[in-house]
């Protein structure tokens, strides 16, 4: 059943792409520029391709929700590692390593313990 819904979903996606590409451009994408009528003009009634676009869009959303429900049912309480048959590595907990007091100090560069490197003797 899930495969059938997935195939219908893909066909709907392709159908939406084709129908949107077939529609005549109204100009002024996102309301910028275009059309001559200004803000006082009303939109023309929805044509045949517009109705088909709406129907395909609603069907696409419904198949998306159906596929989400199928995926949620399949994954309920199961880890992906369990489904793949991979066993998690079992390791014994290691004791934390605590360095001694000298391990916490930075190394010194010179014999005098200063921050400047030793001076070369001429």
Protein backbone atom coordinates (compact mmCIF):
# COMPACT_ATOMS: atom_id res chain seq x y z
CA UNK A 1 0.00 0.00 0.00
CA UNK A 2 2.84 2.36 0.84
CA UNK A 3 4.44 1.80 -2.57
CA UNK A 4 1.19 2.65 -4.33
CA UNK A 5 0.82 5.90 -2.38
CA UNK A 6 4.46 6.75 -3.12
CA UNK A 7 3.98 6.20 -6.87
CA UNK A 8 0.82 8.34 -6.85
CA UNK A 9 2.73 11.00 -4.90
CA UNK A 10 5.50 11.11 -7.51
CA UNK A 11 2.98 11.28 -10.38
CA UNK A 12 1.20 14.16 -8.62
CA UNK A 13 4.51 15.99 -8.20
CA UNK A 14 5.28 15.68 -11.90
CA UNK A 15 1.71 16.71 -12.75
CA UNK A 16 1.98 19.86 -10.64
CA UNK A 17 5.24 20.77 -12.37
CA UNK A 18 3.73 20.31 -15.83
CA UNK A 19 0.51 22.20 -15.05
CA UNK A 20 2.34 25.14 -13.49
CA UNK A 21 4.69 25.37 -16.47
CA UNK A 22 1.73 25.32 -18.89
CA UNK A 23 0.00 28.27 -17.24
CA UNK A 24 0.24 31.70 -18.79
CA UNK A 25 2.35 34.12 -16.83
CA UNK A 26 0.33 36.94 -15.27
CA UNK A 27 3.45 39.08 -15.01
CA UNK A 28 4.72 40.75 -11.89
CA UNK A 29 6.01 37.82 -9.87
CA UNK A 30 5.35 38.36 -6.16
CA UNK A 31 3.29 41.44 -6.98
CA UNK A 32 6.18 43.41 -8.45
CA UNK A 33 5.55 45.35 -11.64
CA UNK A 34 3.40 43.83 -14.35
CA UNK A 35 -0.11 44.14 -15.44
CA UNK A 36 -1.48 47.61 -16.29
CA UNK A 37 -4.53 47.31 -14.03
CA UNK A 38 -2.87 48.48 -10.82
CA UNK A 39 -4.18 47.66 -7.38
CA UNK A 40 -7.82 48.42 -8.16
CA UNK A 41 -8.29 45.60 -10.65
CA UNK A 42 -9.71 42.31 -9.51
CA UNK A 43 -8.33 38.96 -10.46
CA UNK A 44 -10.04 37.12 -13.28
CA UNK A 45 -12.03 34.00 -12.37
CA UNK A 46 -9.99 30.86 -11.86
CA UNK A 47 -9.50 29.06 -15.18
CA UNK A 48 -9.31 25.36 -15.92
CA UNK A 49 -5.56 25.05 -15.33
CA UNK A 50 -5.88 26.93 -12.05
CA UNK A 51 -8.51 24.46 -10.83
CA UNK A 52 -6.35 21.53 -11.90
CA UNK A 53 -3.39 23.05 -10.06
CA UNK A 54 -5.45 23.37 -6.87
CA UNK A 55 -6.74 19.79 -7.16
CA UNK A 56 -3.25 18.40 -7.74
CA UNK A 57 -1.87 20.47 -4.86
CA UNK A 58 -4.51 19.21 -2.42
CA UNK A 59 -3.97 15.61 -3.55
CA UNK A 60 -0.18 16.07 -3.17
CA UNK A 61 -0.60 17.30 0.41
CA UNK A 62 -2.90 14.39 1.25
CA UNK A 63 -0.43 11.83 -0.11
CA UNK A 64 2.37 13.57 1.83
CA UNK A 65 0.41 13.23 5.05
CA UNK A 66 -0.39 9.60 4.27
CA UNK A 67 3.26 8.78 3.66
CA UNK A 68 4.15 10.51 6.95
CA UNK A 69 1.64 8.33 8.82
CA UNK A 70 3.07 5.19 7.19
CA UNK A 71 6.62 6.20 8.15
CA UNK A 72 5.59 6.97 11.74
CA UNK A 73 3.89 3.59 12.14
CA UNK A 74 6.88 1.76 10.77
CA UNK A 75 9.36 3.60 12.99
CA UNK A 76 7.41 3.47 16.25
CA UNK A 77 9.80 2.46 19.03
CA UNK A 78 12.42 0.98 16.70
CA UNK A 79 15.91 2.31 16.27
CA UNK A 80 17.32 2.52 12.78
CA UNK A 81 20.25 0.39 13.95
CA UNK A 82 17.80 -2.33 15.00
CA UNK A 83 16.14 -2.30 11.58
CA UNK A 84 19.49 -2.59 9.81
CA UNK A 85 20.59 -5.42 12.06
CA UNK A 86 23.61 -3.55 13.37
CA UNK A 87 24.55 -4.23 16.94
CA UNK A 88 25.83 -1.36 19.00
CA UNK A 89 29.39 -1.93 20.21
CA UNK A 90 29.52 -2.88 23.86
CA UNK A 91 32.46 -1.32 25.66
CA UNK A 92 33.29 -1.43 29.31
CA UNK A 93 33.26 1.97 30.94
CA UNK A 94 36.74 3.30 31.38
CA UNK A 95 37.95 4.84 34.61
CA UNK A 96 38.59 8.57 34.22
CA UNK A 97 42.24 9.48 33.97
CA UNK A 98 43.30 12.15 36.44
CA UNK A 99 46.70 13.66 35.80
CA UNK A 100 49.04 14.31 38.68
CA UNK A 101 49.83 17.87 39.76
CA UNK A 102 52.75 18.36 37.35
CA UNK A 103 50.67 17.25 34.37
CA UNK A 104 48.40 20.26 34.79
CA UNK A 105 51.14 22.88 34.41
CA UNK A 106 52.38 24.15 31.03
CA UNK A 107 55.96 23.29 30.07
CA UNK A 108 58.64 25.87 30.72
CA UNK A 109 60.83 27.13 27.92
CA UNK A 110 63.94 28.27 29.72
CA UNK A 111 66.04 27.02 32.56
CA UNK A 112 64.90 29.90 34.75
CA UNK A 113 61.20 29.04 34.31
CA UNK A 114 60.44 32.34 32.55
CA UNK A 115 58.26 32.90 29.54
CA UNK A 116 61.09 33.95 27.24
CA UNK A 117 63.24 31.42 25.43
CA UNK A 118 66.83 30.98 26.61
CA UNK A 119 69.32 33.37 25.15
CA UNK A 120 72.00 32.02 22.83
CA UNK A 121 75.53 32.66 24.13
CA UNK A 122 77.88 34.32 21.65
